[in-house]
N, C-alpha and C. Protein backbone atom coordinates (compact mmCIF):
# COMPACT_ATOMS: atom_id res chain seq x y z
N UNK A 1 -23.93 -42.23 -14.14
CA UNK A 1 -22.78 -41.51 -14.68
C UNK A 1 -23.31 -40.30 -15.47
N UNK A 2 -22.79 -39.10 -15.18
CA UNK A 2 -23.26 -37.93 -15.90
C UNK A 2 -22.53 -37.79 -17.24
N UNK A 3 -22.98 -36.82 -18.02
CA UNK A 3 -22.46 -36.63 -19.38
C UNK A 3 -20.95 -36.35 -19.36
N UNK A 4 -20.51 -35.47 -18.47
CA UNK A 4 -19.09 -35.12 -18.44
C UNK A 4 -18.23 -36.33 -18.07
N UNK A 5 -18.71 -37.19 -17.19
CA UNK A 5 -17.96 -38.40 -16.85
C UNK A 5 -17.88 -39.33 -18.06
N UNK A 6 -18.95 -39.44 -18.82
CA UNK A 6 -18.93 -40.28 -20.02
C UNK A 6 -17.94 -39.75 -21.05
N UNK A 7 -17.82 -38.44 -21.15
CA UNK A 7 -16.93 -37.83 -22.14
C UNK A 7 -15.46 -37.85 -21.73
N UNK A 8 -15.19 -38.16 -20.48
CA UNK A 8 -13.83 -38.16 -19.97
C UNK A 8 -12.90 -39.06 -20.80
N UNK A 9 -13.42 -40.15 -21.32
CA UNK A 9 -12.58 -41.07 -22.11
C UNK A 9 -12.10 -40.45 -23.42
N UNK A 10 -12.67 -39.32 -23.80
CA UNK A 10 -12.26 -38.65 -25.03
C UNK A 10 -11.25 -37.54 -24.79
N UNK A 11 -10.71 -37.48 -23.56
CA UNK A 11 -9.70 -36.46 -23.27
C UNK A 11 -8.54 -36.60 -24.25
N UNK A 12 -7.91 -35.50 -24.51
CA UNK A 12 -6.82 -35.45 -25.46
C UNK A 12 -5.55 -35.12 -24.71
N UNK A 13 -4.86 -36.16 -24.23
CA UNK A 13 -3.65 -35.88 -23.46
C UNK A 13 -2.54 -36.91 -23.71
N UNK A 14 -2.48 -37.43 -24.92
CA UNK A 14 -1.41 -38.34 -25.31
C UNK A 14 -0.16 -37.50 -25.64
N UNK A 15 0.91 -37.60 -24.84
CA UNK A 15 2.09 -36.75 -25.04
C UNK A 15 2.73 -36.89 -26.42
N UNK A 16 2.79 -38.10 -26.93
CA UNK A 16 3.40 -38.31 -28.25
C UNK A 16 2.57 -37.62 -29.34
N UNK A 17 1.26 -37.78 -29.28
CA UNK A 17 0.40 -37.16 -30.27
C UNK A 17 0.45 -35.63 -30.15
N UNK A 18 0.49 -35.12 -28.93
CA UNK A 18 0.61 -33.68 -28.74
C UNK A 18 1.90 -33.15 -29.36
N UNK A 19 3.00 -33.89 -29.19
CA UNK A 19 4.28 -33.46 -29.75
C UNK A 19 4.24 -33.50 -31.28
N UNK A 20 3.65 -34.54 -31.85
CA UNK A 20 3.53 -34.64 -33.30
C UNK A 20 2.69 -33.49 -33.86
N UNK A 21 1.63 -33.16 -33.17
CA UNK A 21 0.77 -32.07 -33.64
C UNK A 21 1.46 -30.71 -33.46
N UNK A 22 2.22 -30.57 -32.39
CA UNK A 22 2.98 -29.34 -32.19
C UNK A 22 3.99 -29.17 -33.32
N UNK A 23 4.69 -30.23 -33.65
CA UNK A 23 5.66 -30.18 -34.74
C UNK A 23 4.99 -29.85 -36.07
N UNK A 24 3.81 -30.43 -36.29
CA UNK A 24 3.07 -30.15 -37.53
C UNK A 24 2.64 -28.68 -37.59
N UNK A 25 2.19 -28.13 -36.47
CA UNK A 25 1.81 -26.71 -36.45
C UNK A 25 3.02 -25.82 -36.74
N UNK A 26 4.17 -26.18 -36.17
CA UNK A 26 5.38 -25.39 -36.39
C UNK A 26 5.81 -25.43 -37.86
N UNK A 27 5.57 -26.56 -38.52
CA UNK A 27 5.97 -26.69 -39.93
C UNK A 27 4.97 -26.04 -40.89
N UNK A 28 3.74 -25.86 -40.44
CA UNK A 28 2.71 -25.33 -41.34
C UNK A 28 2.25 -23.94 -40.90
N UNK A 29 1.47 -23.88 -39.86
CA UNK A 29 0.84 -22.64 -39.41
C UNK A 29 1.88 -21.60 -38.98
N UNK A 30 2.94 -22.07 -38.34
CA UNK A 30 3.97 -21.16 -37.83
C UNK A 30 5.26 -21.25 -38.65
N UNK A 31 5.19 -21.64 -39.90
CA UNK A 31 6.42 -21.89 -40.65
C UNK A 31 7.28 -20.64 -40.87
N UNK A 32 6.70 -19.46 -40.76
CA UNK A 32 7.49 -18.24 -40.95
C UNK A 32 7.93 -17.60 -39.63
N UNK A 33 7.69 -18.31 -38.54
CA UNK A 33 8.08 -17.79 -37.22
C UNK A 33 9.36 -18.51 -36.78
N UNK A 34 10.35 -17.73 -36.34
CA UNK A 34 11.63 -18.35 -35.94
C UNK A 34 11.47 -19.11 -34.62
N UNK A 35 12.36 -20.05 -34.40
CA UNK A 35 12.30 -20.95 -33.24
C UNK A 35 12.36 -20.19 -31.91
N UNK A 36 13.15 -19.13 -31.85
CA UNK A 36 13.23 -18.34 -30.61
C UNK A 36 11.87 -17.75 -30.25
N UNK A 37 11.16 -17.24 -31.24
CA UNK A 37 9.83 -16.68 -30.98
C UNK A 37 8.85 -17.77 -30.55
N UNK A 38 8.97 -18.94 -31.16
CA UNK A 38 8.07 -20.04 -30.82
C UNK A 38 8.23 -20.50 -29.38
N UNK A 39 9.41 -20.24 -28.81
CA UNK A 39 9.66 -20.63 -27.42
C UNK A 39 9.21 -19.58 -26.41
N UNK A 40 8.69 -18.47 -26.88
CA UNK A 40 8.16 -17.43 -25.99
C UNK A 40 6.82 -17.90 -25.40
N UNK A 41 6.52 -17.47 -24.19
CA UNK A 41 5.28 -17.90 -23.52
C UNK A 41 4.00 -17.65 -24.35
N UNK A 42 3.96 -16.53 -25.09
CA UNK A 42 2.76 -16.22 -25.88
C UNK A 42 2.52 -17.27 -26.97
N UNK A 43 3.58 -17.68 -27.63
CA UNK A 43 3.44 -18.68 -28.68
C UNK A 43 3.13 -20.05 -28.09
N UNK A 44 3.76 -20.37 -26.97
CA UNK A 44 3.45 -21.65 -26.33
C UNK A 44 1.98 -21.71 -25.94
N UNK A 45 1.46 -20.60 -25.42
CA UNK A 45 0.04 -20.53 -25.06
C UNK A 45 -0.84 -20.70 -26.30
N UNK A 46 -0.46 -20.06 -27.39
CA UNK A 46 -1.24 -20.15 -28.63
C UNK A 46 -1.24 -21.58 -29.16
N UNK A 47 -0.09 -22.23 -29.10
CA UNK A 47 0.00 -23.62 -29.56
C UNK A 47 -0.88 -24.52 -28.69
N UNK A 48 -0.83 -24.32 -27.37
CA UNK A 48 -1.69 -25.11 -26.48
C UNK A 48 -3.16 -24.87 -26.79
N UNK A 49 -3.51 -23.61 -27.06
CA UNK A 49 -4.91 -23.30 -27.42
C UNK A 49 -5.32 -24.06 -28.67
N UNK A 50 -4.45 -24.06 -29.67
CA UNK A 50 -4.74 -24.76 -30.92
C UNK A 50 -4.87 -26.26 -30.70
N UNK A 51 -3.97 -26.81 -29.91
CA UNK A 51 -3.89 -28.27 -29.79
C UNK A 51 -4.99 -28.90 -28.96
N UNK A 52 -5.24 -28.36 -27.79
CA UNK A 52 -6.21 -29.10 -26.97
C UNK A 52 -7.15 -28.26 -26.13
N UNK A 53 -6.85 -27.02 -25.83
CA UNK A 53 -7.75 -26.26 -24.97
C UNK A 53 -9.10 -26.02 -25.63
N UNK A 54 -9.11 -25.70 -26.91
CA UNK A 54 -10.39 -25.50 -27.61
C UNK A 54 -11.16 -26.82 -27.69
N UNK A 55 -10.44 -27.89 -27.95
CA UNK A 55 -11.08 -29.21 -28.01
C UNK A 55 -11.71 -29.57 -26.66
N UNK A 56 -10.94 -29.42 -25.58
CA UNK A 56 -11.47 -29.74 -24.26
C UNK A 56 -12.64 -28.83 -23.88
N UNK A 57 -12.55 -27.57 -24.24
CA UNK A 57 -13.64 -26.65 -23.97
C UNK A 57 -14.91 -27.12 -24.69
N UNK A 58 -14.77 -27.51 -25.93
CA UNK A 58 -15.92 -28.01 -26.68
C UNK A 58 -16.43 -29.31 -26.08
N UNK A 59 -15.52 -30.22 -25.78
CA UNK A 59 -15.90 -31.53 -25.26
C UNK A 59 -16.62 -31.44 -23.93
N UNK A 60 -16.14 -30.60 -23.04
CA UNK A 60 -16.69 -30.58 -21.68
C UNK A 60 -17.70 -29.46 -21.43
N UNK A 61 -17.91 -28.57 -22.39
CA UNK A 61 -18.90 -27.52 -22.20
C UNK A 61 -20.00 -27.56 -23.25
N UNK A 62 -19.62 -27.55 -24.53
CA UNK A 62 -20.64 -27.49 -25.58
C UNK A 62 -21.33 -28.83 -25.81
N UNK A 63 -20.58 -29.91 -25.86
CA UNK A 63 -21.19 -31.22 -26.10
C UNK A 63 -22.20 -31.58 -25.01
N UNK A 64 -21.86 -31.42 -23.72
CA UNK A 64 -22.88 -31.72 -22.70
C UNK A 64 -24.13 -30.83 -22.84
N UNK A 65 -23.92 -29.57 -23.18
CA UNK A 65 -25.06 -28.67 -23.35
C UNK A 65 -25.95 -29.15 -24.51
N UNK A 66 -25.33 -29.52 -25.62
CA UNK A 66 -26.10 -30.03 -26.77
C UNK A 66 -26.82 -31.30 -26.39
N UNK A 67 -26.13 -32.20 -25.67
CA UNK A 67 -26.75 -33.47 -25.29
C UNK A 67 -27.91 -33.24 -24.32
N UNK A 68 -27.79 -32.25 -23.45
CA UNK A 68 -28.90 -31.94 -22.55
C UNK A 68 -30.08 -31.39 -23.33
N UNK A 69 -29.80 -30.60 -24.35
CA UNK A 69 -30.88 -30.01 -25.16
C UNK A 69 -31.60 -31.06 -26.00
N UNK A 70 -30.86 -32.00 -26.55
CA UNK A 70 -31.43 -32.99 -27.46
C UNK A 70 -31.62 -34.36 -26.83
N UNK A 71 -31.23 -34.55 -25.60
CA UNK A 71 -31.40 -35.84 -24.93
C UNK A 71 -30.19 -36.74 -25.14
N UNK A 72 -29.82 -36.95 -26.36
CA UNK A 72 -28.63 -37.74 -26.67
C UNK A 72 -28.26 -37.50 -28.13
N UNK A 73 -27.05 -37.83 -28.46
CA UNK A 73 -26.60 -37.67 -29.83
C UNK A 73 -27.42 -38.54 -30.77
N UNK A 74 -27.74 -39.75 -30.33
CA UNK A 74 -28.54 -40.65 -31.15
C UNK A 74 -29.91 -40.06 -31.43
N UNK A 75 -30.55 -39.51 -30.42
CA UNK A 75 -31.85 -38.89 -30.62
C UNK A 75 -31.74 -37.67 -31.52
N UNK A 76 -30.68 -36.89 -31.35
CA UNK A 76 -30.49 -35.72 -32.19
C UNK A 76 -30.33 -36.12 -33.65
N UNK A 77 -29.49 -37.14 -33.91
CA UNK A 77 -29.29 -37.60 -35.27
C UNK A 77 -30.56 -38.17 -35.86
N UNK A 78 -31.30 -38.92 -35.07
CA UNK A 78 -32.56 -39.48 -35.55
C UNK A 78 -33.53 -38.36 -35.88
N UNK A 79 -33.63 -37.36 -35.01
CA UNK A 79 -34.52 -36.23 -35.25
C UNK A 79 -34.15 -35.52 -36.54
N UNK A 80 -32.86 -35.22 -36.72
CA UNK A 80 -32.41 -34.51 -37.92
C UNK A 80 -32.62 -35.35 -39.17
N UNK A 81 -32.35 -36.65 -39.07
CA UNK A 81 -32.55 -37.54 -40.22
C UNK A 81 -34.03 -37.61 -40.57
N UNK A 82 -34.88 -37.81 -39.58
CA UNK A 82 -36.33 -37.86 -39.83
C UNK A 82 -36.80 -36.55 -40.43
N UNK A 83 -36.32 -35.45 -39.91
CA UNK A 83 -36.72 -34.15 -40.41
C UNK A 83 -36.31 -33.98 -41.87
N UNK A 84 -35.06 -34.33 -42.17
CA UNK A 84 -34.57 -34.19 -43.55
C UNK A 84 -35.34 -35.08 -44.51
N UNK A 85 -35.59 -36.32 -44.10
CA UNK A 85 -36.30 -37.25 -44.97
C UNK A 85 -37.75 -36.82 -45.19
N UNK A 86 -38.37 -36.28 -44.17
CA UNK A 86 -39.77 -35.87 -44.30
C UNK A 86 -39.91 -34.61 -45.14
N UNK A 87 -38.84 -33.85 -45.28
CA UNK A 87 -38.91 -32.60 -46.05
C UNK A 87 -38.19 -32.70 -47.38
N UNK A 88 -37.82 -33.88 -47.78
CA UNK A 88 -37.09 -34.05 -49.05
C UNK A 88 -38.03 -33.96 -50.19
């Protein structure tokens, strides 16, 4: 199983959670934007970017790259911990 297949279980596509987060963004980040504007395609795209596109991009592009560079998250953490302890 490759890295991307292992990360698949961390996909973010729970409809209820997405709706709750959308509502939270509308109440906080977009609180001064009227509802009509929020229903425009540009705002819908921005909300989607905030909610999951950046997360999925990180999960399926950056995390595999980091894991390939360091071998695994466990090895990376061990390396960083050993490094920090040896230089304390």
